[in-house]
N, C-alpha and C. Protein backbone atom coordinates (compact mmCIF):
# COMPACT_ATOMS: atom_id res chain seq x y z
N UNK A 1 22.21 5.88 -0.98
CA UNK A 1 21.76 4.78 -0.15
C UNK A 1 20.24 4.67 -0.24
N UNK A 2 19.75 3.45 -0.34
CA UNK A 2 18.32 3.19 -0.40
C UNK A 2 17.86 2.69 0.96
N UNK A 3 16.67 3.12 1.37
CA UNK A 3 16.12 2.64 2.63
C UNK A 3 14.60 2.69 2.62
N UNK A 4 14.01 1.94 3.54
CA UNK A 4 12.57 1.92 3.77
C UNK A 4 12.34 2.46 5.17
N UNK A 5 11.37 3.36 5.31
CA UNK A 5 11.05 3.91 6.62
C UNK A 5 9.57 4.22 6.69
N UNK A 6 9.11 4.48 7.90
CA UNK A 6 7.73 4.89 8.11
C UNK A 6 7.55 6.30 7.55
N UNK A 7 6.47 6.50 6.82
CA UNK A 7 6.18 7.82 6.25
C UNK A 7 5.91 8.83 7.35
N UNK A 8 6.16 10.09 7.01
CA UNK A 8 5.86 11.23 7.89
C UNK A 8 4.94 12.17 7.13
N UNK A 9 4.14 12.94 7.84
CA UNK A 9 3.27 13.89 7.14
C UNK A 9 4.02 14.81 6.18
N UNK A 10 5.28 15.13 6.48
CA UNK A 10 6.02 16.02 5.58
C UNK A 10 6.51 15.31 4.31
N UNK A 11 6.20 14.03 4.15
CA UNK A 11 6.46 13.31 2.90
C UNK A 11 5.33 13.52 1.89
N UNK A 12 4.30 14.24 2.28
CA UNK A 12 3.09 14.37 1.45
C UNK A 12 3.38 14.91 0.06
N UNK A 13 4.24 15.91 -0.07
CA UNK A 13 4.50 16.49 -1.39
C UNK A 13 5.15 15.45 -2.31
N UNK A 14 6.11 14.71 -1.80
CA UNK A 14 6.79 13.70 -2.62
C UNK A 14 5.83 12.59 -3.00
N UNK A 15 4.99 12.17 -2.07
CA UNK A 15 4.04 11.10 -2.35
C UNK A 15 3.00 11.57 -3.36
N UNK A 16 2.52 12.80 -3.20
CA UNK A 16 1.56 13.35 -4.16
C UNK A 16 2.18 13.43 -5.56
N UNK A 17 3.46 13.76 -5.64
CA UNK A 17 4.14 13.85 -6.94
C UNK A 17 4.25 12.48 -7.61
N UNK A 18 4.45 11.43 -6.81
CA UNK A 18 4.50 10.07 -7.37
C UNK A 18 3.11 9.65 -7.84
N UNK A 19 2.10 9.90 -7.02
CA UNK A 19 0.75 9.41 -7.27
C UNK A 19 0.03 10.19 -8.36
N UNK A 20 0.24 11.48 -8.46
CA UNK A 20 -0.48 12.34 -9.40
C UNK A 20 -0.52 11.81 -10.83
N UNK A 21 0.61 11.44 -11.42
CA UNK A 21 0.57 10.93 -12.80
C UNK A 21 -0.23 9.63 -12.96
N UNK A 22 -0.24 8.79 -11.92
CA UNK A 22 -1.06 7.58 -11.99
C UNK A 22 -2.54 7.94 -12.07
N UNK A 23 -2.93 8.98 -11.37
CA UNK A 23 -4.33 9.43 -11.38
C UNK A 23 -4.66 10.11 -12.70
N UNK A 24 -3.82 11.06 -13.11
CA UNK A 24 -4.08 11.88 -14.31
C UNK A 24 -3.96 11.09 -15.61
N UNK A 25 -2.95 10.24 -15.69
CA UNK A 25 -2.55 9.68 -16.98
C UNK A 25 -2.86 8.20 -17.19
N UNK A 26 -3.41 7.52 -16.17
CA UNK A 26 -3.65 6.08 -16.29
C UNK A 26 -5.00 5.71 -15.67
N UNK A 27 -5.39 4.48 -15.88
CA UNK A 27 -6.57 3.93 -15.21
C UNK A 27 -6.16 3.09 -14.00
N UNK A 28 -4.88 3.12 -13.63
CA UNK A 28 -4.40 2.33 -12.50
C UNK A 28 -5.11 2.75 -11.22
N UNK A 29 -5.26 4.04 -11.02
CA UNK A 29 -6.03 4.55 -9.88
C UNK A 29 -7.40 4.98 -10.39
N UNK A 30 -8.44 4.68 -9.63
CA UNK A 30 -9.78 5.10 -10.02
C UNK A 30 -10.11 6.50 -9.52
N UNK A 31 -9.19 7.16 -8.84
CA UNK A 31 -9.42 8.57 -8.54
C UNK A 31 -9.36 9.33 -9.85
N UNK A 32 -10.10 10.43 -9.93
CA UNK A 32 -10.12 11.21 -11.17
C UNK A 32 -9.35 12.52 -11.06
N UNK A 33 -9.11 12.98 -9.84
CA UNK A 33 -8.35 14.20 -9.61
C UNK A 33 -7.25 13.89 -8.60
N UNK A 34 -6.00 14.22 -8.92
CA UNK A 34 -4.93 13.94 -7.97
C UNK A 34 -5.18 14.70 -6.65
N UNK A 35 -4.96 14.04 -5.52
CA UNK A 35 -5.13 14.72 -4.24
C UNK A 35 -4.09 15.81 -4.04
N UNK A 36 -4.49 16.85 -3.36
CA UNK A 36 -3.56 17.94 -3.04
C UNK A 36 -2.54 17.45 -2.01
N UNK A 37 -1.52 18.24 -1.80
CA UNK A 37 -0.52 17.91 -0.78
C UNK A 37 -1.18 17.86 0.59
N UNK A 38 -2.08 18.79 0.86
CA UNK A 38 -2.79 18.79 2.14
C UNK A 38 -3.63 17.55 2.33
N UNK A 39 -4.33 17.13 1.29
CA UNK A 39 -5.13 15.91 1.38
C UNK A 39 -4.23 14.70 1.56
N UNK A 40 -3.10 14.67 0.87
CA UNK A 40 -2.18 13.54 1.03
C UNK A 40 -1.63 13.51 2.45
N UNK A 41 -1.31 14.66 3.00
CA UNK A 41 -0.83 14.73 4.39
C UNK A 41 -1.89 14.14 5.34
N UNK A 42 -3.14 14.52 5.14
CA UNK A 42 -4.23 14.01 5.98
C UNK A 42 -4.37 12.50 5.82
N UNK A 43 -4.23 11.99 4.62
CA UNK A 43 -4.32 10.55 4.39
C UNK A 43 -3.21 9.80 5.12
N UNK A 44 -2.01 10.33 5.07
CA UNK A 44 -0.89 9.71 5.77
C UNK A 44 -1.18 9.64 7.26
N UNK A 45 -1.62 10.77 7.82
CA UNK A 45 -1.90 10.82 9.26
C UNK A 45 -3.02 9.85 9.66
N UNK A 46 -4.09 9.81 8.86
CA UNK A 46 -5.21 8.88 9.17
C UNK A 46 -4.74 7.43 9.08
N UNK A 47 -3.98 7.12 8.05
CA UNK A 47 -3.52 5.75 7.87
C UNK A 47 -2.63 5.31 9.03
N UNK A 48 -1.69 6.15 9.42
CA UNK A 48 -0.73 5.77 10.46
C UNK A 48 -1.38 5.49 11.81
N UNK A 49 -2.57 5.98 12.04
CA UNK A 49 -3.26 5.67 13.29
C UNK A 49 -3.60 4.18 13.36
N UNK A 50 -3.90 3.57 12.23
CA UNK A 50 -4.36 2.19 12.23
C UNK A 50 -3.42 1.22 11.52
N UNK A 51 -2.73 1.68 10.48
CA UNK A 51 -1.95 0.79 9.63
C UNK A 51 -0.60 1.42 9.27
N UNK A 52 0.35 0.59 8.82
CA UNK A 52 1.63 1.13 8.37
C UNK A 52 1.49 1.90 7.05
N UNK A 53 2.28 2.94 6.93
CA UNK A 53 2.43 3.71 5.69
C UNK A 53 3.93 3.90 5.55
N UNK A 54 4.53 3.33 4.53
CA UNK A 54 5.98 3.30 4.37
C UNK A 54 6.41 4.03 3.11
N UNK A 55 7.63 4.54 3.14
CA UNK A 55 8.22 5.14 1.94
C UNK A 55 9.56 4.47 1.66
N UNK A 56 9.91 4.45 0.38
CA UNK A 56 11.23 4.01 -0.06
C UNK A 56 12.00 5.23 -0.50
N UNK A 57 13.21 5.36 0.01
CA UNK A 57 14.06 6.50 -0.33
C UNK A 57 15.27 6.06 -1.13
N UNK A 58 15.70 6.93 -2.02
CA UNK A 58 16.93 6.78 -2.77
C UNK A 58 17.70 8.08 -2.62
N UNK A 59 18.84 8.01 -1.95
CA UNK A 59 19.66 9.21 -1.71
C UNK A 59 18.83 10.31 -1.04
N UNK A 60 17.95 9.93 -0.13
CA UNK A 60 17.16 10.89 0.62
C UNK A 60 15.88 11.34 -0.04
N UNK A 61 15.65 10.94 -1.30
CA UNK A 61 14.42 11.32 -2.01
C UNK A 61 13.42 10.18 -1.94
N UNK A 62 12.16 10.51 -1.65
CA UNK A 62 11.10 9.51 -1.64
C UNK A 62 10.77 9.15 -3.08
N UNK A 63 10.91 7.87 -3.43
CA UNK A 63 10.67 7.41 -4.80
C UNK A 63 9.59 6.32 -4.88
N UNK A 64 9.07 5.90 -3.72
CA UNK A 64 8.05 4.86 -3.69
C UNK A 64 7.34 4.90 -2.35
N UNK A 65 6.14 4.33 -2.32
CA UNK A 65 5.43 4.23 -1.05
C UNK A 65 4.46 3.06 -1.09
N UNK A 66 4.13 2.58 0.09
CA UNK A 66 3.18 1.47 0.24
C UNK A 66 2.45 1.66 1.56
N UNK A 67 1.21 1.23 1.60
CA UNK A 67 0.46 1.32 2.84
C UNK A 67 -0.65 0.30 2.87
N UNK A 68 -1.21 0.11 4.04
CA UNK A 68 -2.36 -0.77 4.24
C UNK A 68 -3.55 0.10 4.63
N UNK A 69 -4.74 -0.42 4.39
CA UNK A 69 -5.96 0.29 4.76
C UNK A 69 -7.04 -0.73 5.09
N UNK A 70 -8.11 -0.25 5.68
CA UNK A 70 -9.23 -1.12 6.06
C UNK A 70 -9.79 -1.82 4.82
N UNK A 71 -10.06 -3.10 4.97
CA UNK A 71 -10.62 -3.86 3.84
C UNK A 71 -12.12 -3.61 3.71
N UNK A 72 -12.86 -3.68 4.79
CA UNK A 72 -14.31 -3.48 4.76
C UNK A 72 -14.77 -3.08 6.15
N UNK A 73 -15.97 -2.55 6.22
CA UNK A 73 -16.50 -1.99 7.46
C UNK A 73 -16.90 -3.01 8.53
N UNK A 74 -17.46 -4.12 8.17
CA UNK A 74 -18.01 -5.06 9.15
C UNK A 74 -16.91 -5.57 10.09
N UNK A 75 -17.29 -5.78 11.34
CA UNK A 75 -16.33 -6.16 12.39
C UNK A 75 -15.54 -7.42 12.06
N UNK A 76 -16.16 -8.39 11.44
CA UNK A 76 -15.48 -9.65 11.16
C UNK A 76 -14.31 -9.49 10.18
N UNK A 77 -14.26 -8.37 9.47
CA UNK A 77 -13.16 -8.11 8.53
C UNK A 77 -11.93 -7.49 9.20
N UNK A 78 -11.96 -7.29 10.51
CA UNK A 78 -10.88 -6.51 11.15
C UNK A 78 -9.51 -7.16 11.06
N UNK A 79 -9.41 -8.44 10.73
CA UNK A 79 -8.12 -9.10 10.56
C UNK A 79 -7.65 -9.08 9.10
N UNK A 80 -8.35 -8.32 8.26
CA UNK A 80 -8.00 -8.22 6.84
C UNK A 80 -7.69 -6.75 6.52
N UNK A 81 -6.88 -6.55 5.51
CA UNK A 81 -6.59 -5.18 5.06
C UNK A 81 -6.36 -5.18 3.55
N UNK A 82 -6.46 -4.01 2.96
CA UNK A 82 -6.07 -3.80 1.57
C UNK A 82 -4.68 -3.19 1.58
N UNK A 83 -3.89 -3.48 0.57
CA UNK A 83 -2.55 -2.92 0.46
C UNK A 83 -2.35 -2.36 -0.94
N UNK A 84 -1.45 -1.42 -1.02
CA UNK A 84 -1.11 -0.83 -2.31
C UNK A 84 0.33 -0.35 -2.28
N UNK A 85 0.93 -0.28 -3.45
CA UNK A 85 2.29 0.23 -3.59
C UNK A 85 2.37 1.04 -4.89
N UNK A 86 3.07 2.16 -4.82
CA UNK A 86 3.31 2.99 -6.00
C UNK A 86 4.80 3.34 -6.04
N UNK A 87 5.36 3.27 -7.24
CA UNK A 87 6.78 3.56 -7.44
C UNK A 87 6.90 4.59 -8.55
N UNK A 88 7.73 5.61 -8.33
CA UNK A 88 7.98 6.61 -9.37
C UNK A 88 8.57 5.91 -10.60
N UNK A 89 8.18 6.34 -11.80
CA UNK A 89 8.66 5.65 -13.01
C UNK A 89 10.18 5.50 -13.09
N UNK A 90 10.93 6.50 -12.66
CA UNK A 90 12.39 6.41 -12.75
C UNK A 90 12.99 5.40 -11.76
N UNK A 91 12.17 4.91 -10.82
CA UNK A 91 12.66 3.94 -9.83
C UNK A 91 12.10 2.54 -10.07
N UNK A 92 11.37 2.34 -11.17
CA UNK A 92 10.85 1.01 -11.49
C UNK A 92 12.00 0.02 -11.68
N UNK A 93 11.71 -1.25 -11.38
CA UNK A 93 12.63 -2.38 -11.61
C UNK A 93 13.89 -2.28 -10.75
N UNK A 94 13.78 -1.59 -9.60
CA UNK A 94 14.94 -1.48 -8.70
C UNK A 94 14.67 -2.12 -7.34
N UNK A 95 13.55 -2.82 -7.21
CA UNK A 95 13.27 -3.57 -5.99
C UNK A 95 12.53 -2.81 -4.91
N UNK A 96 12.14 -1.58 -5.18
CA UNK A 96 11.45 -0.81 -4.14
C UNK A 96 10.11 -1.44 -3.77
N UNK A 97 9.35 -1.90 -4.74
CA UNK A 97 8.06 -2.52 -4.44
C UNK A 97 8.23 -3.73 -3.54
N UNK A 98 9.18 -4.57 -3.84
CA UNK A 98 9.44 -5.76 -3.03
C UNK A 98 9.87 -5.39 -1.62
N UNK A 99 10.80 -4.44 -1.50
CA UNK A 99 11.29 -4.07 -0.16
C UNK A 99 10.18 -3.43 0.67
N UNK A 100 9.39 -2.58 0.05
CA UNK A 100 8.29 -1.95 0.78
C UNK A 100 7.27 -3.00 1.23
N UNK A 101 6.87 -3.87 0.33
CA UNK A 101 5.89 -4.89 0.70
C UNK A 101 6.46 -5.85 1.76
N UNK A 102 7.70 -6.24 1.65
CA UNK A 102 8.29 -7.14 2.65
C UNK A 102 8.20 -6.52 4.04
N UNK A 103 8.57 -5.26 4.16
CA UNK A 103 8.51 -4.58 5.46
C UNK A 103 7.05 -4.39 5.89
N UNK A 104 6.18 -4.04 4.96
CA UNK A 104 4.77 -3.84 5.28
C UNK A 104 4.18 -5.13 5.85
N UNK A 105 4.47 -6.27 5.24
CA UNK A 105 3.91 -7.53 5.72
C UNK A 105 4.46 -7.91 7.09
N UNK A 106 5.73 -7.59 7.36
CA UNK A 106 6.28 -7.82 8.70
C UNK A 106 5.49 -7.03 9.74
N UNK A 107 5.22 -5.78 9.45
CA UNK A 107 4.49 -4.93 10.39
C UNK A 107 3.04 -5.39 10.54
N UNK A 108 2.41 -5.76 9.44
CA UNK A 108 1.03 -6.23 9.52
C UNK A 108 0.93 -7.51 10.34
N UNK A 109 1.91 -8.39 10.22
CA UNK A 109 1.92 -9.61 11.03
C UNK A 109 2.01 -9.25 12.51
N UNK A 110 2.83 -8.26 12.84
CA UNK A 110 2.94 -7.83 14.25
C UNK A 110 1.62 -7.22 14.73
N UNK A 111 0.84 -6.69 13.82
CA UNK A 111 -0.46 -6.12 14.17
C UNK A 111 -1.55 -7.20 14.29
N UNK A 112 -1.21 -8.44 13.98
CA UNK A 112 -2.14 -9.57 13.98
C UNK A 112 -3.11 -9.54 12.79
N UNK A 113 -2.69 -8.93 11.71
CA UNK A 113 -3.49 -8.95 10.48
C UNK A 113 -3.31 -10.33 9.86
N UNK A 114 -4.41 -10.94 9.43
CA UNK A 114 -4.36 -12.29 8.88
C UNK A 114 -4.15 -12.32 7.36
N UNK A 115 -4.82 -11.42 6.63
CA UNK A 115 -4.74 -11.48 5.17
C UNK A 115 -4.74 -10.08 4.57
N UNK A 116 -4.00 -9.94 3.48
CA UNK A 116 -3.92 -8.68 2.74
C UNK A 116 -4.51 -8.89 1.36
N UNK A 117 -5.22 -7.88 0.87
CA UNK A 117 -5.87 -7.94 -0.44
C UNK A 117 -5.40 -6.78 -1.29
N UNK A 118 -5.25 -7.03 -2.59
CA UNK A 118 -4.83 -5.99 -3.52
C UNK A 118 -5.75 -6.02 -4.73
N UNK A 119 -6.30 -4.87 -5.07
CA UNK A 119 -7.10 -4.72 -6.27
C UNK A 119 -6.23 -4.08 -7.34
N UNK A 120 -6.20 -4.68 -8.52
CA UNK A 120 -5.34 -4.20 -9.60
C UNK A 120 -6.18 -3.97 -10.84
N UNK A 121 -6.19 -2.73 -11.33
CA UNK A 121 -6.87 -2.43 -12.58
C UNK A 121 -6.17 -3.19 -13.70
N UNK A 122 -6.95 -3.87 -14.50
CA UNK A 122 -6.39 -4.71 -15.56
C UNK A 122 -6.56 -4.06 -16.93
N UNK A 123 -5.60 -4.25 -17.81
CA UNK A 123 -4.36 -5.01 -17.64
C UNK A 123 -3.29 -4.19 -16.93
N UNK A 124 -2.44 -4.86 -16.17
CA UNK A 124 -1.30 -4.23 -15.50
C UNK A 124 -0.32 -5.34 -15.15
N UNK A 125 0.42 -5.79 -16.16
CA UNK A 125 1.32 -6.93 -15.99
C UNK A 125 2.39 -6.69 -14.93
N UNK A 126 2.90 -5.45 -14.82
CA UNK A 126 3.94 -5.16 -13.82
C UNK A 126 3.40 -5.36 -12.41
N UNK A 127 2.22 -4.83 -12.13
CA UNK A 127 1.65 -4.96 -10.80
C UNK A 127 1.27 -6.41 -10.50
N UNK A 128 0.67 -7.08 -11.45
CA UNK A 128 0.33 -8.48 -11.25
C UNK A 128 1.61 -9.28 -10.96
N UNK A 129 2.66 -9.03 -11.72
CA UNK A 129 3.92 -9.73 -11.51
C UNK A 129 4.51 -9.49 -10.13
N UNK A 130 4.49 -8.24 -9.68
CA UNK A 130 5.00 -7.93 -8.35
C UNK A 130 4.19 -8.65 -7.28
N UNK A 131 2.88 -8.53 -7.36
CA UNK A 131 2.04 -9.14 -6.33
C UNK A 131 2.20 -10.66 -6.29
N UNK A 132 2.24 -11.29 -7.44
CA UNK A 132 2.40 -12.73 -7.45
C UNK A 132 3.79 -13.14 -6.96
N UNK A 133 4.81 -12.35 -7.27
CA UNK A 133 6.15 -12.62 -6.76
C UNK A 133 6.21 -12.47 -5.24
N UNK A 134 5.32 -11.66 -4.68
CA UNK A 134 5.27 -11.43 -3.24
C UNK A 134 4.32 -12.41 -2.54
N UNK A 135 3.84 -13.41 -3.24
CA UNK A 135 3.03 -14.45 -2.62
C UNK A 135 1.53 -14.26 -2.69
N UNK A 136 1.07 -13.30 -3.47
CA UNK A 136 -0.37 -13.11 -3.64
C UNK A 136 -0.91 -14.14 -4.62
N UNK A 137 -2.15 -14.57 -4.38
CA UNK A 137 -2.84 -15.48 -5.27
C UNK A 137 -4.07 -14.79 -5.83
N UNK A 138 -4.33 -15.03 -7.10
CA UNK A 138 -5.48 -14.43 -7.77
C UNK A 138 -6.78 -15.00 -7.21
N UNK A 139 -7.74 -14.11 -6.96
CA UNK A 139 -9.05 -14.52 -6.45
C UNK A 139 -10.14 -14.42 -7.51
N UNK A 140 -10.00 -13.48 -8.42
CA UNK A 140 -11.04 -13.28 -9.43
C UNK A 140 -11.03 -11.85 -9.93
N UNK A 141 -11.99 -11.55 -10.79
CA UNK A 141 -12.04 -10.25 -11.45
C UNK A 141 -13.43 -9.65 -11.32
N UNK A 142 -13.48 -8.38 -10.92
CA UNK A 142 -14.71 -7.60 -11.02
C UNK A 142 -14.72 -7.02 -12.43
N UNK A 143 -15.59 -7.49 -13.27
CA UNK A 143 -15.65 -7.04 -14.66
C UNK A 143 -16.36 -5.70 -14.76
N UNK A 144 -15.77 -4.81 -15.54
CA UNK A 144 -16.35 -3.49 -15.84
C UNK A 144 -16.87 -2.80 -14.59
N UNK A 145 -16.04 -2.77 -13.54
CA UNK A 145 -16.45 -2.22 -12.26
C UNK A 145 -16.22 -0.71 -12.17
N UNK A 146 -15.34 -0.17 -13.01
CA UNK A 146 -15.06 1.27 -12.99
C UNK A 146 -14.99 1.82 -14.39
N UNK A 147 -15.35 3.09 -14.53
CA UNK A 147 -15.30 3.76 -15.84
C UNK A 147 -14.30 4.89 -15.73
N UNK A 148 -13.21 4.79 -16.47
CA UNK A 148 -12.19 5.84 -16.47
C UNK A 148 -11.50 5.86 -17.82
N UNK A 149 -11.13 7.05 -18.25
CA UNK A 149 -10.42 7.18 -19.52
C UNK A 149 -11.26 6.75 -20.70
N UNK A 150 -12.58 6.93 -20.59
CA UNK A 150 -13.47 6.61 -21.70
C UNK A 150 -13.79 5.15 -21.89
N UNK A 151 -13.45 4.32 -20.89
CA UNK A 151 -13.71 2.88 -21.04
C UNK A 151 -14.05 2.25 -19.69
N UNK A 152 -14.81 1.14 -19.76
CA UNK A 152 -15.06 0.34 -18.57
C UNK A 152 -13.79 -0.42 -18.23
N UNK A 153 -13.48 -0.50 -16.93
CA UNK A 153 -12.24 -1.15 -16.48
C UNK A 153 -12.55 -2.32 -15.56
N UNK A 154 -11.78 -3.38 -15.73
CA UNK A 154 -11.85 -4.54 -14.85
C UNK A 154 -10.84 -4.37 -13.72
N UNK A 155 -11.16 -4.94 -12.56
CA UNK A 155 -10.23 -4.96 -11.43
C UNK A 155 -10.08 -6.40 -10.97
N UNK A 156 -8.84 -6.87 -10.99
CA UNK A 156 -8.53 -8.19 -10.46
C UNK A 156 -8.22 -8.08 -8.98
N UNK A 157 -8.56 -9.11 -8.23
CA UNK A 157 -8.29 -9.12 -6.79
C UNK A 157 -7.35 -10.26 -6.45
N UNK A 158 -6.35 -9.93 -5.62
CA UNK A 158 -5.34 -10.88 -5.17
C UNK A 158 -5.32 -10.90 -3.64
N UNK A 159 -4.94 -12.04 -3.08
CA UNK A 159 -4.86 -12.21 -1.63
C UNK A 159 -3.52 -12.81 -1.23
N UNK A 160 -3.01 -12.35 -0.11
CA UNK A 160 -1.85 -12.97 0.53
C UNK A 160 -2.17 -13.18 2.00
N UNK A 161 -2.07 -14.42 2.45
CA UNK A 161 -2.27 -14.71 3.87
C UNK A 161 -0.98 -14.34 4.60
N UNK A 162 -1.13 -13.58 5.68
CA UNK A 162 0.01 -13.10 6.46
C UNK A 162 0.10 -13.83 7.79
N UNK A 163 -1.05 -13.95 8.48
CA UNK A 163 -1.07 -14.52 9.82
C UNK A 163 -1.20 -16.03 9.83
N UNK A 164 -1.24 -16.56 11.03
CA UNK A 164 -1.28 -18.01 11.18
C UNK A 164 -2.70 -18.55 11.27
N UNK A 165 -3.70 -17.70 11.14
CA UNK A 165 -5.08 -18.16 11.17
C UNK A 165 -5.70 -18.20 12.54
N UNK A 166 -4.98 -17.78 13.57
CA UNK A 166 -5.49 -17.81 14.95
C UNK A 166 -5.96 -16.41 15.34
N UNK A 167 -7.28 -16.15 15.31
CA UNK A 167 -7.78 -14.81 15.59
C UNK A 167 -8.06 -14.53 17.08
N UNK A 168 -7.37 -15.24 17.98
CA UNK A 168 -7.66 -15.03 19.41
C UNK A 168 -7.27 -13.64 19.89
N UNK A 169 -6.29 -13.03 19.29
CA UNK A 169 -5.89 -11.69 19.69
C UNK A 169 -6.47 -10.66 18.74
N UNK A 170 -6.93 -9.57 19.29
CA UNK A 170 -7.45 -8.48 18.46
C UNK A 170 -6.30 -7.83 17.68
N UNK A 171 -6.59 -7.31 16.50
CA UNK A 171 -5.56 -6.56 15.77
C UNK A 171 -5.08 -5.37 16.59
N UNK A 172 -3.82 -5.05 16.45
CA UNK A 172 -3.21 -3.94 17.19
C UNK A 172 -3.08 -2.76 16.24
N UNK A 173 -3.64 -1.59 16.60
CA UNK A 173 -3.47 -0.42 15.73
C UNK A 173 -1.98 -0.08 15.56
N UNK A 174 -1.61 0.38 14.40
CA UNK A 174 -0.21 0.69 14.12
C UNK A 174 0.33 1.73 15.11
N UNK A 175 -0.48 2.71 15.45
CA UNK A 175 -0.03 3.74 16.39
C UNK A 175 0.42 3.11 17.70
N UNK A 176 -0.28 2.07 18.16
CA UNK A 176 0.11 1.40 19.41
C UNK A 176 1.47 0.72 19.25
N UNK A 177 1.73 0.11 18.09
CA UNK A 177 3.05 -0.48 17.85
C UNK A 177 4.11 0.60 17.79
N UNK A 178 3.79 1.69 17.11
CA UNK A 178 4.79 2.72 16.87
C UNK A 178 5.15 3.50 18.12
N UNK A 179 4.26 3.56 19.09
CA UNK A 179 4.57 4.28 20.33
C UNK A 179 5.70 3.61 21.09
N UNK A 180 5.97 2.36 20.80
CA UNK A 180 7.07 1.65 21.43
C UNK A 180 8.39 1.85 20.72
N UNK A 181 8.50 2.83 19.85
CA UNK A 181 9.75 3.13 19.17
C UNK A 181 9.83 2.61 17.75
N UNK A 182 8.79 1.90 17.30
CA UNK A 182 8.82 1.32 15.96
C UNK A 182 8.92 2.39 14.89
N UNK A 183 8.23 3.51 15.06
CA UNK A 183 8.25 4.54 14.03
C UNK A 183 9.64 5.08 13.79
N UNK A 184 10.47 5.09 14.81
CA UNK A 184 11.79 5.66 14.67
C UNK A 184 12.78 4.66 14.05
N UNK A 185 12.45 3.38 14.11
CA UNK A 185 13.33 2.36 13.55
C UNK A 185 13.23 2.37 12.05
N UNK A 186 14.34 2.48 11.39
CA UNK A 186 14.36 2.48 9.94
C UNK A 186 15.12 1.27 9.46
N UNK A 187 14.72 0.77 8.32
CA UNK A 187 15.37 -0.40 7.75
C UNK A 187 16.24 0.05 6.59
N UNK A 188 17.54 -0.13 6.73
CA UNK A 188 18.47 0.18 5.65
C UNK A 188 18.47 -0.98 4.67
N UNK A 189 18.52 -0.67 3.38
CA UNK A 189 18.58 -1.73 2.38
C UNK A 189 19.69 -1.48 1.41
């Protein structure tokens, strides 16, 4: 059975195992050293205080994850976030990215987030395809913004509007939503 649920700190080892090869073997992530399990656990905990962090499971094994994070420091950006999704290679093309993003956007809307942004190291046709299928629109490219794997890398930026454009309510931290039982609710798919 496949399902999407809120990540827990004890998912850190599985998430680190998915992410590590992207860091070590590709330019998809601009990190140069894969984070340890302890660092991944800390990242999950920090993220869940403010934003959703979700995992996709297949037969009880974590095979994908997605989360939101702060877009920028200035106060006026508080209705915006960055999003990312990673899927283990053996789980590609099975809909995990779509299911995770669909649930993530539902939660972000409940938090009063207006827009989500995704930076994609180019070329990456699979990621571009997923994001555009999920309603993201291309904004532009930062040319030669990162150096990894012996080459300068471009990053394309995509945006998806989530909210209705009415910023009268302050964004709600994810922890505040989850204290009402949201964290325990799981979505079966």
